[in-house]
Amino acid sequence: MAVKPLTKAELNKKVSEASGVTAKDTNAVMSALSDVITQHVASGGAITLIGVGKIESRDRAARTVRNPRTGDPIHKPADRTPRMVFAKALKTACNE
């Protein structure tokens, strides 16, 4: 049974109801949290959310990839990509 993904507005509403904080304040906090996580991870830092997991960025080496339409090789330069490693507690909860 698939559960539909939460939109930002739905997530804000659920957090507001669970915490007893107004929806306006919850929205401000969630937006600030998103900004802080983005800035910190983009600068090379990592963030650990207890019970959820760890968000970090990883460097990827330059490599050659193929164009799926033509099969031609394309050089892809080195870059940094975000990565999330999920906590064991969250993995266990998903399988119960």
PDB file of N, CA and C in Angstrom:
ATOM      1  N   MET A   1       0.846  -1.169   0.000  1.00  0.00           N
ATOM      2  CA  MET A   1       0.000   0.000   0.000  1.00  0.00           C
ATOM      3  C   MET A   1       0.896   1.237   0.000  1.00  0.00           C
ATOM      4  N   ALA A   2       0.821   2.018  -1.048  1.00  0.00           N
ATOM      5  CA  ALA A   2       1.648   3.217  -1.178  1.00  0.00           C
ATOM      6  C   ALA A   2       0.982   4.397  -0.482  1.00  0.00           C
ATOM      7  N   VAL A   3       1.796   5.175   0.179  1.00  0.00           N
ATOM      8  CA  VAL A   3       1.326   6.388   0.843  1.00  0.00           C
ATOM      9  C   VAL A   3       1.793   7.552  -0.002  1.00  0.00           C
ATOM     10  N   LYS A   4       0.884   8.506  -0.248  1.00  0.00           N
ATOM     11  CA  LYS A   4       1.259   9.621  -1.113  1.00  0.00           C
ATOM     12  C   LYS A   4       2.253  10.533  -0.405  1.00  0.00           C
ATOM     13  N   PRO A   5       3.182  11.118  -1.157  1.00  0.00           N
ATOM     14  CA  PRO A   5       4.180  12.004  -0.558  1.00  0.00           C
ATOM     15  C   PRO A   5       3.529  13.262   0.024  1.00  0.00           C
ATOM     16  N   LEU A   6       4.125  13.782   1.082  1.00  0.00           N
ATOM     17  CA  LEU A   6       3.629  15.014   1.687  1.00  0.00           C
ATOM     18  C   LEU A   6       4.153  16.217   0.916  1.00  0.00           C
ATOM     19  N   THR A   7       3.292  17.188   0.689  1.00  0.00           N
ATOM     20  CA  THR A   7       3.751  18.453   0.127  1.00  0.00           C
ATOM     21  C   THR A   7       4.317  19.289   1.266  1.00  0.00           C
ATOM     22  N   LYS A   8       4.969  20.371   0.921  1.00  0.00           N
ATOM     23  CA  LYS A   8       5.531  21.251   1.945  1.00  0.00           C
ATOM     24  C   LYS A   8       4.415  21.783   2.855  1.00  0.00           C
ATOM     25  N   ALA A   9       3.291  22.155   2.278  1.00  0.00           N
ATOM     26  CA  ALA A   9       2.174  22.688   3.067  1.00  0.00           C
ATOM     27  C   ALA A   9       1.618  21.619   4.018  1.00  0.00           C
ATOM     28  N   GLU A  10       1.505  20.382   3.534  1.00  0.00           N
ATOM     29  CA  GLU A  10       1.001  19.299   4.381  1.00  0.00           C
ATOM     30  C   GLU A  10       1.975  18.978   5.508  1.00  0.00           C
ATOM     31  N   LEU A  11       3.262  18.980   5.197  1.00  0.00           N
ATOM     32  CA  LEU A  11       4.276  18.739   6.224  1.00  0.00           C
ATOM     33  C   LEU A  11       4.240  19.835   7.285  1.00  0.00           C
ATOM     34  N   ASN A  12       4.152  21.080   6.852  1.00  0.00           N
ATOM     35  CA  ASN A  12       4.060  22.196   7.800  1.00  0.00           C
ATOM     36  C   ASN A  12       2.824  22.055   8.701  1.00  0.00           C
ATOM     37  N   LYS A  13       1.703  21.653   8.120  1.00  0.00           N
ATOM     38  CA  LYS A  13       0.475  21.489   8.894  1.00  0.00           C
ATOM     39  C   LYS A  13       0.632  20.388   9.943  1.00  0.00           C
ATOM     40  N   LYS A  14       1.197  19.246   9.545  1.00  0.00           N
ATOM     41  CA  LYS A  14       1.384  18.137  10.484  1.00  0.00           C
ATOM     42  C   LYS A  14       2.343  18.502  11.613  1.00  0.00           C
ATOM     43  N   VAL A  15       3.443  19.194  11.289  1.00  0.00           N
ATOM     44  CA  VAL A  15       4.390  19.621  12.319  1.00  0.00           C
ATOM     45  C   VAL A  15       3.740  20.638  13.243  1.00  0.00           C
ATOM     46  N   SER A  16       2.950  21.536  12.687  1.00  0.00           N
ATOM     47  CA  SER A  16       2.249  22.539  13.488  1.00  0.00           C
ATOM     48  C   SER A  16       1.286  21.879  14.466  1.00  0.00           C
ATOM     49  N   GLU A  17       0.538  20.909  13.985  1.00  0.00           N
ATOM     50  CA  GLU A  17      -0.422  20.201  14.852  1.00  0.00           C
ATOM     51  C   GLU A  17       0.289  19.386  15.929  1.00  0.00           C
ATOM     52  N   ALA A  18       1.391  18.737  15.562  1.00  0.00           N
ATOM     53  CA  ALA A  18       2.113  17.891  16.509  1.00  0.00           C
ATOM     54  C   ALA A  18       2.829  18.701  17.584  1.00  0.00           C
ATOM     55  N   SER A  19       3.269  19.908  17.231  1.00  0.00           N
ATOM     56  CA  SER A  19       4.045  20.705  18.179  1.00  0.00           C
ATOM     57  C   SER A  19       3.232  21.753  18.916  1.00  0.00           C
ATOM     58  N   GLY A  20       2.045  22.073  18.419  1.00  0.00           N
ATOM     59  CA  GLY A  20       1.232  23.103  19.054  1.00  0.00           C
ATOM     60  C   GLY A  20       1.686  24.512  18.710  1.00  0.00           C
ATOM     61  N   VAL A  21       2.556  24.641  17.722  1.00  0.00           N
ATOM     62  CA  VAL A  21       3.042  25.943  17.272  1.00  0.00           C
ATOM     63  C   VAL A  21       2.160  26.393  16.109  1.00  0.00           C
ATOM     64  N   THR A  22       1.994  27.707  15.944  1.00  0.00           N
ATOM     65  CA  THR A  22       1.145  28.199  14.866  1.00  0.00           C
ATOM     66  C   THR A  22       1.704  27.794  13.505  1.00  0.00           C
ATOM     67  N   ALA A  23       0.836  27.695  12.535  1.00  0.00           N
ATOM     68  CA  ALA A  23       1.242  27.300  11.192  1.00  0.00           C
ATOM     69  C   ALA A  23       2.214  28.316  10.600  1.00  0.00           C
ATOM     70  N   LYS A  24       2.023  29.589  10.882  1.00  0.00           N
ATOM     71  CA  LYS A  24       2.903  30.631  10.365  1.00  0.00           C
ATOM     72  C   LYS A  24       4.318  30.469  10.932  1.00  0.00           C
ATOM     73  N   ASP A  25       4.415  30.222  12.239  1.00  0.00           N
ATOM     74  CA  ASP A  25       5.725  30.021  12.863  1.00  0.00           C
ATOM     75  C   ASP A  25       6.385  28.743  12.364  1.00  0.00           C
ATOM     76  N   THR A  26       5.599  27.691  12.206  1.00  0.00           N
ATOM     77  CA  THR A  26       6.130  26.423  11.703  1.00  0.00           C
ATOM     78  C   THR A  26       6.691  26.605  10.301  1.00  0.00           C
ATOM     79  N   ASN A  27       5.980  27.332   9.462  1.00  0.00           N
ATOM     80  CA  ASN A  27       6.435  27.580   8.097  1.00  0.00           C
ATOM     81  C   ASN A  27       7.772  28.323   8.107  1.00  0.00           C
ATOM     82  N   ALA A  28       7.903  29.318   8.982  1.00  0.00           N
ATOM     83  CA  ALA A  28       9.145  30.084   9.072  1.00  0.00           C
ATOM     84  C   ALA A  28      10.301  29.193   9.525  1.00  0.00           C
ATOM     85  N   VAL A  29      10.048  28.345  10.516  1.00  0.00           N
ATOM     86  CA  VAL A  29      11.092  27.452  11.023  1.00  0.00           C
ATOM     87  C   VAL A  29      11.490  26.433   9.959  1.00  0.00           C
ATOM     88  N   MET A  30      10.527  25.847   9.265  1.00  0.00           N
ATOM     89  CA  MET A  30      10.824  24.839   8.244  1.00  0.00           C
ATOM     90  C   MET A  30      11.621  25.459   7.092  1.00  0.00           C
ATOM     91  N   SER A  31      11.281  26.675   6.700  1.00  0.00           N
ATOM     92  CA  SER A  31      12.021  27.354   5.635  1.00  0.00           C
ATOM     93  C   SER A  31      13.447  27.657   6.078  1.00  0.00           C
ATOM     94  N   ALA A  32      13.601  28.121   7.316  1.00  0.00           N
ATOM     95  CA  ALA A  32      14.935  28.412   7.844  1.00  0.00           C
ATOM     96  C   ALA A  32      15.754  27.130   7.951  1.00  0.00           C
ATOM     97  N   LEU A  33      15.136  26.044   8.391  1.00  0.00           N
ATOM     98  CA  LEU A  33      15.829  24.758   8.502  1.00  0.00           C
ATOM     99  C   LEU A  33      16.332  24.299   7.136  1.00  0.00           C
ATOM    100  N   SER A  34      15.501  24.425   6.139  1.00  0.00           N
ATOM    101  CA  SER A  34      15.884  24.042   4.783  1.00  0.00           C
ATOM    102  C   SER A  34      17.072  24.874   4.308  1.00  0.00           C
ATOM    103  N   ASP A  35      17.041  26.174   4.563  1.00  0.00           N
ATOM    104  CA  ASP A  35      18.134  27.059   4.154  1.00  0.00           C
ATOM    105  C   ASP A  35      19.437  26.708   4.862  1.00  0.00           C
ATOM    106  N   VAL A  36      19.364  26.461   6.173  1.00  0.00           N
ATOM    107  CA  VAL A  36      20.562  26.128   6.953  1.00  0.00           C
ATOM    108  C   VAL A  36      21.170  24.814   6.481  1.00  0.00           C
ATOM    109  N   ILE A  37      20.335  23.799   6.263  1.00  0.00           N
ATOM    110  CA  ILE A  37      20.825  22.502   5.790  1.00  0.00           C
ATOM    111  C   ILE A  37      21.495  22.664   4.427  1.00  0.00           C
ATOM    112  N   THR A  38      20.850  23.384   3.523  1.00  0.00           N
ATOM    113  CA  THR A  38      21.397  23.581   2.179  1.00  0.00           C
ATOM    114  C   THR A  38      22.746  24.281   2.229  1.00  0.00           C
ATOM    115  N   GLN A  39      22.841  25.362   2.985  1.00  0.00           N
ATOM    116  CA  GLN A  39      24.091  26.120   3.060  1.00  0.00           C
ATOM    117  C   GLN A  39      25.207  25.284   3.687  1.00  0.00           C
ATOM    118  N   HIS A  40      24.892  24.566   4.757  1.00  0.00           N
ATOM    119  CA  HIS A  40      25.922  23.802   5.458  1.00  0.00           C
ATOM    120  C   HIS A  40      26.436  22.636   4.618  1.00  0.00           C
ATOM    121  N   VAL A  41      25.540  21.893   4.000  1.00  0.00           N
ATOM    122  CA  VAL A  41      25.938  20.744   3.189  1.00  0.00           C
ATOM    123  C   VAL A  41      26.653  21.215   1.918  1.00  0.00           C
ATOM    124  N   ALA A  42      26.191  22.322   1.322  1.00  0.00           N
ATOM    125  CA  ALA A  42      26.841  22.845   0.116  1.00  0.00           C
ATOM    126  C   ALA A  42      28.268  23.299   0.398  1.00  0.00           C
ATOM    127  N   SER A  43      28.544  23.716   1.631  1.00  0.00           N
ATOM    128  CA  SER A  43      29.896  24.158   1.980  1.00  0.00           C
ATOM    129  C   SER A  43      30.804  22.992   2.368  1.00  0.00           C
ATOM    130  N   GLY A  44      30.280  21.768   2.307  1.00  0.00           N
ATOM    131  CA  GLY A  44      31.093  20.590   2.595  1.00  0.00           C
ATOM    132  C   GLY A  44      30.853  19.987   3.961  1.00  0.00           C
ATOM    133  N   GLY A  45      29.944  20.547   4.732  1.00  0.00           N
ATOM    134  CA  GLY A  45      29.650  20.020   6.058  1.00  0.00           C
ATOM    135  C   GLY A  45      28.661  18.871   6.019  1.00  0.00           C
ATOM    136  N   ALA A  46      28.446  18.273   7.165  1.00  0.00           N
ATOM    137  CA  ALA A  46      27.491  17.178   7.301  1.00  0.00           C
ATOM    138  C   ALA A  46      26.559  17.501   8.461  1.00  0.00           C
ATOM    139  N   ILE A  47      25.346  17.006   8.395  1.00  0.00           N
ATOM    140  CA  ILE A  47      24.356  17.215   9.448  1.00  0.00           C
ATOM    141  C   ILE A  47      23.790  15.866   9.838  1.00  0.00           C
ATOM    142  N   THR A  48      23.787  15.577  11.142  1.00  0.00           N
ATOM    143  CA  THR A  48      23.209  14.338  11.647  1.00  0.00           C
ATOM    144  C   THR A  48      21.892  14.656  12.322  1.00  0.00           C
ATOM    145  N   LEU A  49      20.836  14.013  11.864  1.00  0.00           N
ATOM    146  CA  LEU A  49      19.510  14.151  12.461  1.00  0.00           C
ATOM    147  C   LEU A  49      19.240  12.853  13.211  1.00  0.00           C
ATOM    148  N   ILE A  50      19.237  12.912  14.528  1.00  0.00           N
ATOM    149  CA  ILE A  50      19.100  11.724  15.356  1.00  0.00           C
ATOM    150  C   ILE A  50      17.812  10.980  14.988  1.00  0.00           C
ATOM    151  N   GLY A  51      17.937   9.697  14.716  1.00  0.00           N
ATOM    152  CA  GLY A  51      16.793   8.860  14.376  1.00  0.00           C
ATOM    153  C   GLY A  51      16.399   8.914  12.918  1.00  0.00           C
ATOM    154  N   VAL A  52      16.969   9.860  12.159  1.00  0.00           N
ATOM    155  CA  VAL A  52      16.630   9.994  10.745  1.00  0.00           C
ATOM    156  C   VAL A  52      17.809   9.603   9.868  1.00  0.00           C
ATOM    157  N   GLY A  53      18.956  10.228  10.111  1.00  0.00           N
ATOM    158  CA  GLY A  53      20.127   9.899   9.320  1.00  0.00           C
ATOM    159  C   GLY A  53      21.097  11.044   9.234  1.00  0.00           C
ATOM    160  N   LYS A  54      21.966  10.959   8.252  1.00  0.00           N
ATOM    161  CA  LYS A  54      23.028  11.941   8.072  1.00  0.00           C
ATOM    162  C   LYS A  54      22.974  12.476   6.649  1.00  0.00           C
ATOM    163  N   ILE A  55      23.034  13.808   6.522  1.00  0.00           N
ATOM    164  CA  ILE A  55      23.053  14.464   5.218  1.00  0.00           C
ATOM    165  C   ILE A  55      24.453  15.032   5.038  1.00  0.00           C
ATOM    166  N   GLU A  56      25.069  14.705   3.901  1.00  0.00           N
ATOM    167  CA  GLU A  56      26.427  15.163   3.639  1.00  0.00           C
ATOM    168  C   GLU A  56      26.599  15.379   2.148  1.00  0.00           C
ATOM    169  N   SER A  57      27.735  15.958   1.779  1.00  0.00           N
ATOM    170  CA  SER A  57      28.041  16.078   0.359  1.00  0.00           C
ATOM    171  C   SER A  57      29.275  15.236   0.069  1.00  0.00           C
ATOM    172  N   ARG A  58      29.325  14.701  -1.122  1.00  0.00           N
ATOM    173  CA  ARG A  58      30.427  13.834  -1.527  1.00  0.00           C
ATOM    174  C   ARG A  58      31.019  14.363  -2.829  1.00  0.00           C
ATOM    175  N   ASP A  59      32.319  14.281  -2.926  1.00  0.00           N
ATOM    176  CA  ASP A  59      32.991  14.646  -4.168  1.00  0.00           C
ATOM    177  C   ASP A  59      32.959  13.457  -5.111  1.00  0.00           C
ATOM    178  N   ARG A  60      32.652  13.724  -6.389  1.00  0.00           N
ATOM    179  CA  ARG A  60      32.679  12.672  -7.404  1.00  0.00           C
ATOM    180  C   ARG A  60      33.768  13.008  -8.411  1.00  0.00           C
ATOM    181  N   ALA A  61      34.541  12.041  -8.765  1.00  0.00           N
ATOM    182  CA  ALA A  61      35.643  12.236  -9.706  1.00  0.00           C
ATOM    183  C   ALA A  61      35.114  12.476 -11.117  1.00  0.00           C
ATOM    184  N   ALA A  62      35.946  13.094 -11.937  1.00  0.00           N
ATOM    185  CA  ALA A  62      35.606  13.269 -13.349  1.00  0.00           C
ATOM    186  C   ALA A  62      35.508  11.885 -13.982  1.00  0.00           C
ATOM    187  N   ARG A  63      34.636  11.746 -14.953  1.00  0.00           N
ATOM    188  CA  ARG A  63      34.445  10.437 -15.562  1.00  0.00           C
ATOM    189  C   ARG A  63      33.879  10.594 -16.976  1.00  0.00           C
ATOM    190  N   THR A  64      33.879   9.523 -17.694  1.00  0.00           N
ATOM    191  CA  THR A  64      33.298   9.501 -19.030  1.00  0.00           C
ATOM    192  C   THR A  64      31.965   8.773 -18.956  1.00  0.00           C
ATOM    193  N   VAL A  65      30.923   9.423 -19.465  1.00  0.00           N
ATOM    194  CA  VAL A  65      29.587   8.826 -19.514  1.00  0.00           C
ATOM    195  C   VAL A  65      29.177   8.709 -20.975  1.00  0.00           C
ATOM    196  N   ARG A  66      28.088   8.039 -21.226  1.00  0.00           N
ATOM    197  CA  ARG A  66      27.621   7.873 -22.602  1.00  0.00           C
ATOM    198  C   ARG A  66      26.264   8.547 -22.791  1.00  0.00           C
ATOM    199  N   ASN A  67      26.111   9.184 -23.936  1.00  0.00           N
ATOM    200  CA  ASN A  67      24.832   9.741 -24.329  1.00  0.00           C
ATOM    201  C   ASN A  67      23.913   8.565 -24.641  1.00  0.00           C
ATOM    202  N   PRO A  68      22.780   8.412 -23.920  1.00  0.00           N
ATOM    203  CA  PRO A  68      21.933   7.239 -24.137  1.00  0.00           C
ATOM    204  C   PRO A  68      21.300   7.182 -25.534  1.00  0.00           C
ATOM    205  N   ARG A  69      21.144   8.329 -26.150  1.00  0.00           N
ATOM    206  CA  ARG A  69      20.525   8.344 -27.480  1.00  0.00           C
ATOM    207  C   ARG A  69      21.509   7.940 -28.568  1.00  0.00           C
ATOM    208  N   THR A  70      22.721   8.514 -28.517  1.00  0.00           N
ATOM    209  CA  THR A  70      23.682   8.275 -29.598  1.00  0.00           C
ATOM    210  C   THR A  70      24.795   7.301 -29.225  1.00  0.00           C
ATOM    211  N   GLY A  71      25.031   7.110 -27.932  1.00  0.00           N
ATOM    212  CA  GLY A  71      26.102   6.239 -27.496  1.00  0.00           C
ATOM    213  C   GLY A  71      27.462   6.923 -27.478  1.00  0.00           C
ATOM    214  N   ASP A  72      27.502   8.205 -27.850  1.00  0.00           N
ATOM    215  CA  ASP A  72      28.765   8.943 -27.864  1.00  0.00           C
ATOM    216  C   ASP A  72      29.268   9.175 -26.448  1.00  0.00           C
ATOM    217  N   PRO A  73      30.583   9.069 -26.245  1.00  0.00           N
ATOM    218  CA  PRO A  73      31.136   9.352 -24.916  1.00  0.00           C
ATOM    219  C   PRO A  73      31.121  10.853 -24.633  1.00  0.00           C
ATOM    220  N   ILE A  74      30.856  11.200 -23.384  1.00  0.00           N
ATOM    221  CA  ILE A  74      30.812  12.597 -22.947  1.00  0.00           C
ATOM    222  C   ILE A  74      31.652  12.702 -21.682  1.00  0.00           C
ATOM    223  N   HIS A  75      32.503  13.717 -21.623  1.00  0.00           N
ATOM    224  CA  HIS A  75      33.299  13.935 -20.411  1.00  0.00           C
ATOM    225  C   HIS A  75      32.443  14.656 -19.373  1.00  0.00           C
ATOM    226  N   LYS A  76      32.330  14.086 -18.198  1.00  0.00           N
ATOM    227  CA  LYS A  76      31.595  14.717 -17.087  1.00  0.00           C
ATOM    228  C   LYS A  76      32.635  15.173 -16.077  1.00  0.00           C
ATOM    229  N   PRO A  77      32.731  16.479 -15.818  1.00  0.00           N
ATOM    230  CA  PRO A  77      33.754  16.972 -14.889  1.00  0.00           C
ATOM    231  C   PRO A  77      33.456  16.551 -13.445  1.00  0.00           C
ATOM    232  N   ALA A  78      34.462  16.659 -12.601  1.00  0.00           N
ATOM    233  CA  ALA A  78      34.293  16.358 -11.182  1.00  0.00           C
ATOM    234  C   ALA A  78      33.256  17.313 -10.594  1.00  0.00           C
ATOM    235  N   ASP A  79      32.477  16.823  -9.646  1.00  0.00           N
ATOM    236  CA  ASP A  79      31.487  17.664  -8.998  1.00  0.00           C
ATOM    237  C   ASP A  79      31.231  17.174  -7.581  1.00  0.00           C
ATOM    238  N   ARG A  80      30.373  17.874  -6.885  1.00  0.00           N
ATOM    239  CA  ARG A  80      29.985  17.511  -5.521  1.00  0.00           C
ATOM    240  C   ARG A  80      28.487  17.253  -5.542  1.00  0.00           C
ATOM    241  N   THR A  81      28.063  16.181  -4.880  1.00  0.00           N
ATOM    242  CA  THR A  81      26.656  15.818  -4.876  1.00  0.00           C
ATOM    243  C   THR A  81      26.180  15.540  -3.452  1.00  0.00           C
ATOM    244  N   PRO A  82      24.928  15.898  -3.127  1.00  0.00           N
ATOM    245  CA  PRO A  82      24.425  15.599  -1.788  1.00  0.00           C
ATOM    246  C   PRO A  82      24.138  14.111  -1.631  1.00  0.00           C
ATOM    247  N   ARG A  83      24.227  13.630  -0.400  1.00  0.00           N
ATOM    248  CA  ARG A  83      23.977  12.221  -0.106  1.00  0.00           C
ATOM    249  C   ARG A  83      23.314  12.131   1.258  1.00  0.00           C
ATOM    250  N   MET A  84      22.382  11.219   1.411  1.00  0.00           N
ATOM    251  CA  MET A  84      21.762  10.985   2.707  1.00  0.00           C
ATOM    252  C   MET A  84      21.905   9.516   3.060  1.00  0.00           C
ATOM    253  N   VAL A  85      22.411   9.277   4.263  1.00  0.00           N
ATOM    254  CA  VAL A  85      22.545   7.929   4.793  1.00  0.00           C
ATOM    255  C   VAL A  85      21.492   7.806   5.887  1.00  0.00           C
ATOM    256  N   PHE A  86      20.585   6.864   5.756  1.00  0.00           N
ATOM    257  CA  PHE A  86      19.477   6.742   6.699  1.00  0.00           C
ATOM    258  C   PHE A  86      19.877   5.964   7.950  1.00  0.00           C
ATOM    259  N   ALA A  87      19.311   6.367   9.083  1.00  0.00           N
ATOM    260  CA  ALA A  87      19.593   5.726  10.364  1.00  0.00           C
ATOM    261  C   ALA A  87      18.950   4.344  10.420  1.00  0.00           C
ATOM    262  N   LYS A  88      19.561   3.470  11.189  1.00  0.00           N
ATOM    263  CA  LYS A  88      19.059   2.105  11.336  1.00  0.00           C
ATOM    264  C   LYS A  88      17.640   2.115  11.899  1.00  0.00           C
ATOM    265  N   ALA A  89      17.346   3.019  12.841  1.00  0.00           N
ATOM    266  CA  ALA A  89      16.014   3.108  13.431  1.00  0.00           C
ATOM    267  C   ALA A  89      14.956   3.422  12.377  1.00  0.00           C
ATOM    268  N   LEU A  90      15.286   4.304  11.431  1.00  0.00           N
ATOM    269  CA  LEU A  90      14.332   4.651  10.374  1.00  0.00           C
ATOM    270  C   LEU A  90      14.149   3.469   9.415  1.00  0.00           C
ATOM    271  N   LYS A  91      15.231   2.781   9.082  1.00  0.00           N
ATOM    272  CA  LYS A  91      15.140   1.611   8.220  1.00  0.00           C
ATOM    273  C   LYS A  91      14.284   0.523   8.871  1.00  0.00           C
ATOM    274  N   THR A  92      14.479   0.323  10.156  1.00  0.00           N
ATOM    275  CA  THR A  92      13.705  -0.685  10.891  1.00  0.00           C
ATOM    276  C   THR A  92      12.235  -0.308  10.917  1.00  0.00           C
ATOM    277  N   ALA A  93      11.942   0.969  11.176  1.00  0.00           N
ATOM    278  CA  ALA A  93      10.551   1.433  11.233  1.00  0.00           C
ATOM    279  C   ALA A  93       9.839   1.241   9.891  1.00  0.00           C
ATOM    280  N   CYS A  94      10.558   1.398   8.812  1.00  0.00           N
ATOM    281  CA  CYS A  94       9.970   1.233   7.474  1.00  0.00           C
ATOM    282  C   CYS A  94       9.616  -0.221   7.193  1.00  0.00           C
ATOM    283  N   ASN A  95      10.303  -1.143   7.834  1.00  0.00           N
ATOM    284  CA  ASN A  95      10.081  -2.565   7.577  1.00  0.00           C
ATOM    285  C   ASN A  95       9.146  -3.237   8.559  1.00  0.00           C
ATOM    286  N   GLU A  96       8.588  -2.478   9.465  1.00  0.00           N
ATOM    287  CA  GLU A  96       7.639  -3.062  10.445  1.00  0.00           C
ATOM    288  C   GLU A  96       6.225  -2.977   9.936  1.00  0.00           C
TER     289      GLU A  96
END
